[in-house]
Amino acid sequence: MNRSRETETVGYDLLGLLFFIMLVFGGWAMIFASEYLPDNFVRFLDFSKNYGKQLLFIIVCVGLFGAIQLVNARLFEIFAPVLAVPVVLLLIGVLFTRPINGSHSWFELGFFRLQPSELAKLATSLLLSSFLARPEFNIYEGRKLATALAIVLLPMSLVLLQGDLGSTLVFTSFAAVFYRAGLPNWLYALGLFVVFVSIASLMADNLNYVFHGLLLGIAILLIYLYKEQLYWLLPPLLLLVSAHFFYDDYYIYYWIVTGGSVLFLTLVQIKTQWRTLSILSLGFLITLIYSSSVSYLVNNVLQKHQQERIWVWLKPEKCDPLGALYNVEQSKYAIGSGAVLGKGYLQGERTKLDYVPEQSTDFIFCTVGEEWGFIGTAFILSLFLLLLWRILAIAERQRDNFTRYYAYCVGGILFFHVVINVGMTIGAIPVVGIPLPFLSYGGSSLISFCVQLSILFKLDSQRSF
């Protein structure tokens, strides 16, 4: 960051503010719809209902937004390390609280539950942005990169110890700011490969299919790399594919054919491509070990309810429709029942009869789908996309690296929450308990996102030139 630049108040991003406000009050309307019963309605500020508490949280957010606008924008960067210390202490302290739903994630404060992991997202965003913005920072220096990663991994590890898998996964969204800071693309490709192998390992009935698939992938890769030697690689590739036809009845021949194919492939290339073959062989071995580790971890280490969340996603046919599969099936049915135009506001039958558990929190998107249909869900998702567009626009017009990196942190967290929450309500992603920003009930989540965006709008309004 160039400290010689001067700042000037240039006004707020009005479009971004508009989308932000629409999501906040649209979310309250959906929480109200998820709990509203004509015979039991008392008043909007009924603190026995989630919609009453959420309205109070919105009032608090308005006050926080105003207070943040009175603070000098530079102070957020200066005091980022100071803010991180009490947040880490809260993350440690919450480990000794009484578990709620199997997770040590909340401090009980009367009718309000404080979730330190939500504060950790804000503190991590500020501290990481402050560190990356230092003039001496170089992402290709091992010590500097390790320090930046530690800023993310420390709170991430503490949240994992709480038993909150969803919030733990949110911290992977900081990969967006590392990408903007210049982290090599091949690391992200490697990360996608690891995710692919993890899913394939869980979907395969045994390790043999993963073994075979890796050999096939190596053969195809070598054909791509050495096109002039294509005729040498075709025979082992064909043998590799044909091994499937012999597996069931001739187990030993399967290994002979596949092993012989790899040996033949090695002999063809060994004269001139020692380095390539060594790297591929090492990668093949490491991938096999990792694949077997993933299967062992899921089947022998994770608790039963955690295993069920994975199988509901990957192998729903093996799950009990009235047990682990119930929430997702009811969620999909509620969204589908809204059709194109929906049943109308406050007219959701699945909502009123409480078919979908946690409908005002993790599954609030069901209320949108049932009452407003495809048009309503498309509108809400469009608002999120438009808000993300404004966040990226704010990021890319900055000359101040701190604000740019902070914008990417906020955008990454928001994008991750939306994709995971919407994905789990339609069965495309495992249910991991992540709220939908601004729409799901929850004071910690709402305040955290509102403060993150309030700080971003403030930083942008006093950007440097």
Protein backbone atom coordinates (compact mmCIF):
# COMPACT_ATOMS: atom_id res chain seq x y z
CA MET A 1 0.00 0.00 0.00
CA ASN A 2 1.31 3.40 -0.86
CA ARG A 3 1.01 5.52 2.28
CA SER A 4 1.57 8.73 0.34
CA ARG A 5 -1.81 8.55 -1.30
CA GLU A 6 -4.48 10.82 0.08
CA THR A 7 -8.05 9.82 0.76
CA GLU A 8 -11.15 11.71 -0.16
CA THR A 9 -14.80 11.12 0.64
CA VAL A 10 -16.39 10.19 -2.69
CA GLY A 11 -19.76 8.91 -1.52
CA TYR A 12 -21.24 5.46 -1.13
CA ASP A 13 -21.93 2.76 -3.70
CA LEU A 14 -25.69 3.36 -3.84
CA LEU A 15 -26.45 0.25 -5.90
CA GLY A 16 -24.60 -1.93 -3.45
CA LEU A 17 -26.43 -0.33 -0.54
CA LEU A 18 -29.77 -0.86 -2.28
CA PHE A 19 -29.17 -4.58 -2.86
CA PHE A 20 -27.92 -4.94 0.70
CA ILE A 21 -31.04 -3.29 2.17
CA MET A 22 -33.39 -5.30 -0.08
CA LEU A 23 -31.82 -8.57 1.08
CA VAL A 24 -32.00 -7.63 4.76
CA PHE A 25 -35.69 -6.69 4.74
CA GLY A 26 -36.58 -9.39 2.23
CA GLY A 27 -34.99 -11.86 4.63
CA TRP A 28 -37.08 -10.59 7.52
CA ALA A 29 -40.22 -10.98 5.39
CA MET A 30 -39.30 -14.63 4.71
CA ILE A 31 -38.62 -15.34 8.41
CA PHE A 32 -42.00 -13.81 9.24
CA ALA A 33 -43.64 -15.99 6.59
CA SER A 34 -41.98 -19.13 7.95
CA GLU A 35 -43.54 -18.58 11.40
CA TYR A 36 -46.70 -16.61 10.74
CA LEU A 37 -49.97 -18.20 11.85
CA PRO A 38 -53.07 -15.94 11.70
CA ASP A 39 -54.54 -17.29 14.91
CA ASN A 40 -51.35 -16.85 16.93
CA PHE A 41 -50.05 -13.55 15.60
CA VAL A 42 -49.55 -10.96 18.35
CA ARG A 43 -47.18 -8.22 17.17
CA PHE A 44 -44.12 -7.82 15.01
CA LEU A 45 -41.83 -7.36 18.04
CA ASP A 46 -42.90 -10.62 19.64
CA PHE A 47 -39.63 -11.84 21.16
CA SER A 48 -40.98 -15.35 21.56
CA LYS A 49 -40.83 -15.60 17.76
CA ASN A 50 -37.80 -15.55 15.52
CA TYR A 51 -39.22 -12.77 13.36
CA GLY A 52 -39.53 -10.52 16.43
CA LYS A 53 -35.94 -11.16 17.47
CA GLN A 54 -34.72 -10.69 13.90
CA LEU A 55 -36.41 -7.30 13.67
CA LEU A 56 -34.55 -6.27 16.82
CA PHE A 57 -31.29 -7.51 15.29
CA ILE A 58 -31.99 -5.40 12.20
CA ILE A 59 -32.42 -2.32 14.41
CA VAL A 60 -29.07 -3.14 16.04
CA CYS A 61 -27.49 -3.47 12.58
CA VAL A 62 -28.80 -0.03 11.59
CA GLY A 63 -27.16 1.43 14.68
CA LEU A 64 -23.89 -0.38 13.98
CA PHE A 65 -23.93 0.78 10.36
CA GLY A 66 -24.29 4.39 11.48
CA ALA A 67 -21.54 4.05 14.11
CA ILE A 68 -19.12 2.51 11.59
CA GLN A 69 -19.63 5.43 9.22
CA LEU A 70 -18.38 7.80 11.94
CA VAL A 71 -15.05 5.97 12.23
CA ASN A 72 -12.00 6.91 10.17
CA ALA A 73 -11.62 4.22 7.52
CA ARG A 74 -7.87 3.78 8.18
CA LEU A 75 -8.55 2.59 11.74
CA PHE A 76 -9.93 -0.72 10.48
CA GLU A 77 -6.54 -1.61 9.04
CA ILE A 78 -4.57 -0.27 12.00
CA PHE A 79 -6.59 -2.07 14.66
CA ALA A 80 -7.11 -5.35 12.79
CA PRO A 81 -4.54 -7.23 14.96
CA VAL A 82 -6.12 -5.80 18.11
CA LEU A 83 -9.56 -7.09 17.12
CA ALA A 84 -8.21 -10.58 16.35
CA VAL A 85 -7.00 -11.22 19.92
CA PRO A 86 -10.37 -11.13 21.76
CA VAL A 87 -12.00 -13.10 18.93
CA VAL A 88 -9.45 -15.91 19.33
CA LEU A 89 -10.07 -15.87 23.09
CA LEU A 90 -13.81 -16.18 22.45
CA LEU A 91 -13.20 -19.12 20.09
CA ILE A 92 -11.22 -20.84 22.85
CA GLY A 93 -13.72 -19.97 25.58
CA VAL A 94 -16.72 -21.31 23.68
CA LEU A 95 -15.12 -24.77 23.67
CA PHE A 96 -15.95 -25.02 27.39
CA THR A 97 -19.64 -24.15 27.03
CA ARG A 98 -22.56 -26.54 27.07
CA PRO A 99 -22.99 -28.19 23.64
CA ILE A 100 -26.04 -27.27 21.57
CA ASN A 101 -27.03 -29.77 18.87
CA GLY A 102 -23.69 -31.50 19.41
CA SER A 103 -21.63 -28.35 18.83
CA HIS A 104 -19.80 -26.00 21.23
CA SER A 105 -20.49 -22.93 19.12
CA TRP A 106 -22.58 -20.49 21.15
CA PHE A 107 -22.52 -18.38 24.28
CA GLU A 108 -25.99 -18.19 25.84
CA LEU A 109 -26.84 -14.53 26.49
CA GLY A 110 -30.50 -14.56 27.45
CA PHE A 111 -32.62 -14.80 24.30
CA PHE A 112 -29.52 -14.14 22.19
CA ARG A 113 -26.84 -16.66 21.30
CA LEU A 114 -23.43 -15.23 20.44
CA GLN A 115 -21.59 -17.34 17.87
CA PRO A 116 -17.87 -16.43 17.93
CA SER A 117 -17.22 -18.12 14.58
CA GLU A 118 -19.23 -15.35 12.90
CA LEU A 119 -17.02 -12.72 14.52
CA ALA A 120 -13.99 -14.77 13.46
CA LYS A 121 -14.88 -14.33 9.79
CA LEU A 122 -14.82 -10.55 10.21
CA ALA A 123 -11.63 -10.52 12.28
CA THR A 124 -9.85 -12.88 9.88
CA SER A 125 -10.90 -10.77 6.89
CA LEU A 126 -9.47 -7.60 8.43
CA LEU A 127 -6.25 -9.16 9.72
CA LEU A 128 -5.53 -11.11 6.54
CA SER A 129 -6.18 -8.06 4.36
CA SER A 130 -3.95 -5.94 6.58
CA PHE A 131 -1.10 -8.47 6.35
CA LEU A 132 -1.38 -9.00 2.58
CA ALA A 133 -1.42 -5.22 2.02
CA ARG A 134 1.97 -4.67 3.64
CA PRO A 135 4.55 -3.32 1.15
CA GLU A 136 7.06 -6.01 2.11
CA PHE A 137 4.62 -8.90 1.59
CA ASN A 138 5.55 -11.32 -1.19
CA ILE A 139 3.32 -14.34 -1.69
CA TYR A 140 6.24 -16.30 -3.17
CA GLU A 141 8.24 -16.03 0.07
CA GLY A 142 7.60 -19.17 2.08
CA ARG A 143 7.65 -17.50 5.50
CA LYS A 144 5.29 -14.71 4.46
CA LEU A 145 2.88 -17.14 2.82
CA ALA A 146 2.98 -19.44 5.86
CA THR A 147 2.11 -16.50 8.13
CA ALA A 148 -0.81 -15.51 5.90
CA LEU A 149 -2.09 -19.09 5.91
CA ALA A 150 -1.74 -19.27 9.71
CA ILE A 151 -4.01 -16.22 10.03
CA VAL A 152 -6.75 -18.32 8.40
CA LEU A 153 -5.88 -21.76 9.78
CA LEU A 154 -5.78 -20.78 13.47
CA PRO A 155 -9.44 -19.66 13.75
CA MET A 156 -10.43 -22.37 11.28
CA SER A 157 -8.91 -25.05 13.56
CA LEU A 158 -10.60 -23.62 16.65
CA VAL A 159 -13.98 -23.62 14.89
CA LEU A 160 -13.40 -27.23 13.80
CA LEU A 161 -12.79 -28.19 17.45
CA GLN A 162 -16.24 -26.76 18.23
CA GLY A 163 -17.78 -29.44 16.01
CA ASP A 164 -19.14 -26.86 13.55
CA LEU A 165 -18.21 -28.32 10.16
CA GLY A 166 -20.19 -25.76 8.18
CA SER A 167 -18.47 -22.72 9.67
CA THR A 168 -15.12 -24.48 9.33
CA LEU A 169 -15.63 -24.93 5.60
CA VAL A 170 -16.47 -21.23 5.23
CA PHE A 171 -12.83 -20.39 5.94
CA THR A 172 -11.86 -22.08 2.66
CA SER A 173 -13.51 -19.09 0.94
CA PHE A 174 -10.39 -17.07 1.78
CA ALA A 175 -8.82 -18.87 -1.18
CA ALA A 176 -10.39 -16.07 -3.25
CA VAL A 177 -8.21 -13.37 -1.68
CA PHE A 178 -5.08 -15.53 -1.97
CA TYR A 179 -5.86 -15.92 -5.67
CA ARG A 180 -6.16 -12.15 -6.04
CA ALA A 181 -2.88 -11.75 -4.18
CA GLY A 182 -1.15 -13.88 -6.82
CA LEU A 183 -1.14 -17.47 -5.56
CA PRO A 184 -0.26 -19.79 -8.51
CA ASN A 185 -3.14 -21.28 -10.50
CA TRP A 186 -1.77 -24.82 -10.27
CA LEU A 187 -2.48 -24.87 -6.53
CA TYR A 188 -6.16 -24.27 -7.20
CA ALA A 189 -6.14 -26.98 -9.87
CA LEU A 190 -4.58 -29.31 -7.31
CA GLY A 191 -7.29 -28.38 -4.82
CA LEU A 192 -10.03 -29.21 -7.33
CA PHE A 193 -8.31 -32.53 -8.04
CA VAL A 194 -8.27 -33.36 -4.32
CA VAL A 195 -11.99 -32.58 -4.08
CA PHE A 196 -12.69 -34.76 -7.13
CA VAL A 197 -10.69 -37.69 -5.72
CA SER A 198 -12.44 -37.32 -2.35
CA ILE A 199 -15.89 -37.52 -3.93
CA ALA A 200 -14.87 -40.39 -6.24
CA SER A 201 -13.43 -42.32 -3.28
CA LEU A 202 -16.71 -42.06 -1.39
CA MET A 203 -18.88 -42.90 -4.39
CA ALA A 204 -16.82 -45.96 -5.39
CA ASP A 205 -17.80 -49.23 -3.75
CA ASN A 206 -14.14 -50.16 -3.28
CA LEU A 207 -10.65 -48.86 -3.94
CA ASN A 208 -10.23 -50.92 -7.12
CA TYR A 209 -12.31 -48.49 -9.13
CA VAL A 210 -10.24 -45.55 -7.94
CA PHE A 211 -7.05 -47.48 -8.77
CA HIS A 212 -8.30 -48.26 -12.24
CA GLY A 213 -9.51 -44.72 -12.85
CA LEU A 214 -6.13 -43.26 -11.86
CA LEU A 215 -4.29 -45.59 -14.23
CA LEU A 216 -6.65 -44.63 -17.02
CA GLY A 217 -6.11 -40.95 -16.25
CA ILE A 218 -2.32 -41.32 -16.34
CA ALA A 219 -2.52 -43.11 -19.69
CA ILE A 220 -4.68 -40.35 -21.16
CA LEU A 221 -2.36 -37.68 -19.74
CA LEU A 222 0.68 -39.29 -21.32
CA ILE A 223 -1.10 -39.58 -24.66
CA TYR A 224 -1.82 -35.85 -24.43
CA LEU A 225 1.76 -34.99 -23.50
CA TYR A 226 3.45 -37.22 -26.07
CA LYS A 227 1.20 -37.23 -29.08
CA GLU A 228 3.95 -38.48 -31.37
CA GLN A 229 4.05 -41.73 -29.36
CA LEU A 230 0.33 -42.28 -29.39
CA TYR A 231 0.59 -45.72 -31.06
CA TRP A 232 2.78 -47.02 -28.21
CA LEU A 233 0.25 -45.94 -25.57
CA LEU A 234 -2.90 -47.24 -27.22
CA PRO A 235 -2.31 -50.96 -26.44
CA PRO A 236 -1.92 -50.51 -22.65
CA LEU A 237 -4.84 -48.08 -22.66
CA LEU A 238 -7.05 -50.64 -24.36
CA LEU A 239 -5.89 -53.35 -21.95
CA LEU A 240 -6.63 -51.04 -19.05
CA VAL A 241 -10.20 -50.45 -20.22
CA SER A 242 -10.77 -54.14 -21.02
CA ALA A 243 -9.75 -55.11 -17.46
CA HIS A 244 -13.27 -54.15 -16.29
CA PHE A 245 -14.74 -57.09 -18.21
CA PHE A 246 -12.61 -59.58 -16.25
CA TYR A 247 -12.89 -58.10 -12.79
CA ASP A 248 -15.94 -59.87 -11.39
CA ASP A 249 -14.99 -63.43 -12.27
CA TYR A 250 -11.21 -63.18 -12.53
CA TYR A 251 -10.01 -60.98 -9.68
CA ILE A 252 -6.35 -61.95 -10.01
CA TYR A 253 -6.35 -61.35 -13.76
CA TYR A 254 -7.63 -57.84 -13.19
CA TRP A 255 -4.50 -56.96 -11.25
CA ILE A 256 -2.26 -58.78 -13.73
CA VAL A 257 -3.71 -56.89 -16.69
CA THR A 258 -3.69 -53.47 -15.04
CA GLY A 259 -0.26 -54.00 -13.49
CA GLY A 260 1.10 -55.27 -16.78
CA SER A 261 -0.34 -52.24 -18.55
CA VAL A 262 1.45 -49.85 -16.22
CA LEU A 263 4.71 -51.81 -16.56
CA PHE A 264 4.46 -51.73 -20.33
CA LEU A 265 3.70 -48.03 -20.25
CA THR A 266 6.72 -47.43 -18.04
CA LEU A 267 9.06 -49.41 -20.29
CA VAL A 268 7.96 -47.43 -23.32
CA GLN A 269 8.74 -44.07 -21.71
CA ILE A 270 11.57 -44.89 -19.31
CA LYS A 271 14.43 -44.19 -21.73
CA THR A 272 13.78 -40.50 -22.10
CA GLN A 273 11.15 -39.46 -19.53
CA TRP A 274 12.48 -40.44 -16.10
CA ARG A 275 11.33 -37.23 -14.45
CA THR A 276 7.81 -37.34 -15.85
CA LEU A 277 7.34 -40.98 -14.90
CA SER A 278 8.74 -40.42 -11.41
CA ILE A 279 6.36 -37.53 -10.75
CA LEU A 280 3.38 -39.46 -12.11
CA SER A 281 4.27 -42.58 -10.11
CA LEU A 282 4.68 -40.59 -6.89
CA GLY A 283 1.43 -38.73 -7.51
CA PHE A 284 -0.32 -42.04 -8.24
CA LEU A 285 0.89 -43.54 -4.95
CA ILE A 286 0.01 -40.46 -2.88
CA THR A 287 -3.45 -40.29 -4.45
CA LEU A 288 -4.13 -43.95 -3.66
CA ILE A 289 -3.09 -43.45 -0.04
CA TYR A 290 -5.22 -40.31 0.22
CA SER A 291 -8.20 -42.06 -1.37
CA SER A 292 -8.07 -44.94 1.09
CA SER A 293 -7.65 -42.46 3.96
CA VAL A 294 -10.81 -40.56 2.94
CA SER A 295 -12.85 -43.77 2.92
CA TYR A 296 -11.45 -44.84 6.29
CA LEU A 297 -12.03 -41.42 7.85
CA VAL A 298 -15.67 -41.22 6.77
CA ASN A 299 -16.54 -44.82 7.68
CA ASN A 300 -14.61 -45.16 10.93
CA VAL A 301 -13.88 -41.71 12.40
CA LEU A 302 -16.88 -39.47 11.65
CA GLN A 303 -19.91 -39.72 13.89
CA LYS A 304 -23.02 -41.42 12.56
CA HIS A 305 -24.96 -38.19 11.93
CA GLN A 306 -21.97 -36.76 10.04
CA GLN A 307 -21.76 -39.89 7.88
CA GLU A 308 -25.47 -39.66 7.13
CA ARG A 309 -25.09 -36.12 5.79
CA ILE A 310 -22.54 -37.37 3.28
CA TRP A 311 -24.57 -40.42 2.22
CA VAL A 312 -27.72 -38.30 1.82
CA TRP A 313 -25.76 -36.36 -0.78
CA LEU A 314 -23.83 -39.12 -2.56
CA LYS A 315 -25.96 -42.23 -2.01
CA PRO A 316 -29.50 -41.17 -1.06
CA GLU A 317 -30.87 -44.56 -2.09
CA LYS A 318 -29.17 -46.07 0.98
CA CYS A 319 -30.72 -43.57 3.43
CA ASP A 320 -33.95 -43.76 5.40
CA PRO A 321 -36.59 -41.47 3.78
CA LEU A 322 -38.06 -40.84 7.25
CA GLY A 323 -34.66 -40.39 8.88
CA ALA A 324 -31.52 -38.74 7.51
CA LEU A 325 -33.10 -38.15 4.10
CA TYR A 326 -36.25 -36.52 5.48
CA ASN A 327 -35.07 -32.90 5.69
CA VAL A 328 -33.65 -32.77 2.17
CA GLU A 329 -36.63 -34.55 0.61
CA GLN A 330 -39.12 -32.23 2.31
CA SER A 331 -36.99 -29.23 1.32
CA LYS A 332 -36.98 -30.22 -2.35
CA TYR A 333 -40.68 -30.96 -2.27
CA ALA A 334 -41.47 -27.57 -0.72
CA ILE A 335 -39.39 -25.71 -3.31
CA GLY A 336 -40.85 -27.74 -6.17
CA SER A 337 -44.42 -27.22 -4.98
CA GLY A 338 -44.06 -23.49 -5.59
CA ALA A 339 -43.79 -24.11 -9.35
CA VAL A 340 -43.27 -20.93 -11.40
CA LEU A 341 -45.22 -18.27 -9.53
CA GLY A 342 -45.48 -19.79 -6.06
CA LYS A 343 -48.48 -20.15 -3.77
CA GLY A 344 -48.44 -16.54 -2.61
CA TYR A 345 -46.97 -14.73 0.37
CA LEU A 346 -48.01 -16.33 3.69
CA GLN A 347 -49.76 -19.11 1.79
CA GLY A 348 -47.12 -21.81 2.00
CA GLU A 349 -48.73 -25.06 3.15
CA ARG A 350 -45.48 -26.92 3.81
CA THR A 351 -44.30 -23.92 5.79
CA LYS A 352 -47.40 -23.67 7.94
CA LEU A 353 -47.42 -27.40 8.76
CA ASP A 354 -43.72 -27.47 9.75
CA TYR A 355 -42.79 -30.20 7.29
CA VAL A 356 -39.29 -28.76 6.91
CA PRO A 357 -37.31 -28.54 10.18
CA GLU A 358 -35.22 -25.41 10.85
CA GLN A 359 -37.15 -23.58 8.15
CA SER A 360 -36.47 -20.10 9.49
CA THR A 361 -32.72 -20.78 9.69
CA ASP A 362 -30.83 -23.22 7.46
CA PHE A 363 -33.79 -24.02 5.18
CA ILE A 364 -35.27 -20.53 4.74
CA PHE A 365 -34.80 -20.87 0.98
CA CYS A 366 -37.69 -23.39 1.04
CA THR A 367 -40.05 -20.63 2.11
CA VAL A 368 -38.93 -18.50 -0.83
CA GLY A 369 -39.41 -21.38 -3.26
CA GLU A 370 -42.83 -22.44 -1.98
CA GLU A 371 -44.41 -19.01 -1.65
CA TRP A 372 -42.74 -17.20 -4.56
CA GLY A 373 -41.86 -20.07 -6.89
CA PHE A 374 -39.18 -20.01 -9.55
CA ILE A 375 -39.66 -16.26 -10.08
CA GLY A 376 -39.03 -15.52 -6.41
CA THR A 377 -35.98 -17.76 -6.06
CA ALA A 378 -34.51 -16.32 -9.26
CA PHE A 379 -35.09 -12.81 -7.93
CA ILE A 380 -33.38 -13.54 -4.59
CA LEU A 381 -30.43 -15.21 -6.30
CA SER A 382 -30.21 -12.25 -8.68
CA LEU A 383 -29.98 -9.89 -5.71
CA PHE A 384 -27.08 -11.91 -4.33
CA LEU A 385 -25.34 -11.91 -7.70
CA LEU A 386 -25.85 -8.16 -8.06
CA LEU A 387 -24.48 -7.56 -4.58
CA LEU A 388 -21.44 -9.73 -5.41
CA TRP A 389 -21.00 -7.74 -8.62
CA ARG A 390 -20.91 -4.50 -6.64
CA ILE A 391 -18.42 -5.98 -4.16
CA LEU A 392 -16.11 -6.97 -7.02
CA ALA A 393 -16.56 -3.56 -8.62
CA ILE A 394 -15.61 -1.92 -5.33
CA ALA A 395 -12.56 -4.18 -5.06
CA GLU A 396 -11.22 -3.50 -8.54
CA ARG A 397 -11.53 0.29 -8.40
CA GLN A 398 -9.31 0.53 -5.32
CA ARG A 399 -5.73 1.73 -5.33
CA ASP A 400 -5.46 0.68 -1.72
CA ASN A 401 -4.55 -3.00 -1.41
CA PHE A 402 -6.12 -3.34 2.04
CA THR A 403 -9.58 -2.39 0.78
CA ARG A 404 -9.19 -4.52 -2.35
CA TYR A 405 -8.23 -7.64 -0.39
CA TYR A 406 -10.89 -7.01 2.23
CA ALA A 407 -13.54 -6.77 -0.51
CA TYR A 408 -12.44 -10.15 -1.86
CA CYS A 409 -12.65 -11.63 1.63
CA VAL A 410 -16.22 -10.38 2.07
CA GLY A 411 -17.22 -11.45 -1.44
CA GLY A 412 -15.72 -14.91 -0.98
CA ILE A 413 -17.52 -15.49 2.32
CA LEU A 414 -20.85 -14.27 0.88
CA PHE A 415 -20.51 -16.40 -2.27
CA PHE A 416 -19.60 -19.52 -0.28
CA HIS A 417 -22.58 -19.12 2.07
CA VAL A 418 -25.06 -18.66 -0.77
CA VAL A 419 -23.79 -21.57 -2.88
CA ILE A 420 -23.59 -24.01 0.04
CA ASN A 421 -26.93 -23.06 1.60
CA VAL A 422 -28.93 -23.08 -1.63
CA GLY A 423 -27.12 -26.23 -2.75
CA MET A 424 -27.98 -28.14 0.41
CA THR A 425 -31.68 -27.17 0.27
CA ILE A 426 -31.97 -28.73 -3.20
CA GLY A 427 -29.85 -31.78 -2.34
CA ALA A 428 -26.86 -30.82 -4.50
CA ILE A 429 -24.51 -30.34 -1.53
CA PRO A 430 -24.38 -32.05 1.90
CA VAL A 431 -26.35 -30.44 4.72
CA VAL A 432 -23.68 -28.74 6.84
CA GLY A 433 -25.68 -26.09 8.69
CA ILE A 434 -24.68 -22.87 6.93
CA PRO A 435 -27.16 -19.96 7.04
CA LEU A 436 -28.26 -18.03 3.97
CA PRO A 437 -26.90 -14.48 4.44
CA PHE A 438 -29.51 -11.89 5.49
CA LEU A 439 -32.39 -14.35 4.96
CA SER A 440 -31.75 -16.99 7.63
CA TYR A 441 -32.71 -16.18 11.20
CA GLY A 442 -29.74 -15.55 13.47
CA GLY A 443 -28.40 -12.48 15.20
CA SER A 444 -24.72 -13.42 15.01
CA SER A 445 -24.90 -14.15 11.28
CA LEU A 446 -26.92 -11.04 10.42
CA ILE A 447 -24.75 -8.71 12.49
CA SER A 448 -21.55 -10.25 11.14
CA PHE A 449 -22.54 -9.80 7.49
CA CYS A 450 -23.95 -6.33 8.09
CA VAL A 451 -20.78 -5.19 9.85
CA GLN A 452 -18.59 -6.68 7.11
CA LEU A 453 -20.48 -4.81 4.42
CA SER A 454 -20.75 -1.62 6.49
CA ILE A 455 -16.97 -1.53 6.82
CA LEU A 456 -16.56 -2.20 3.10
CA PHE A 457 -18.90 0.64 2.13
CA LYS A 458 -17.08 2.94 4.54
CA LEU A 459 -13.65 2.01 3.13
CA ASP A 460 -14.91 2.53 -0.41
CA SER A 461 -16.46 5.90 0.42
CA GLN A 462 -13.03 7.16 1.51
CA ARG A 463 -10.92 5.38 -1.08
CA SER A 464 -7.49 6.70 -1.99
CA PHE A 465 -6.43 8.28 -5.30
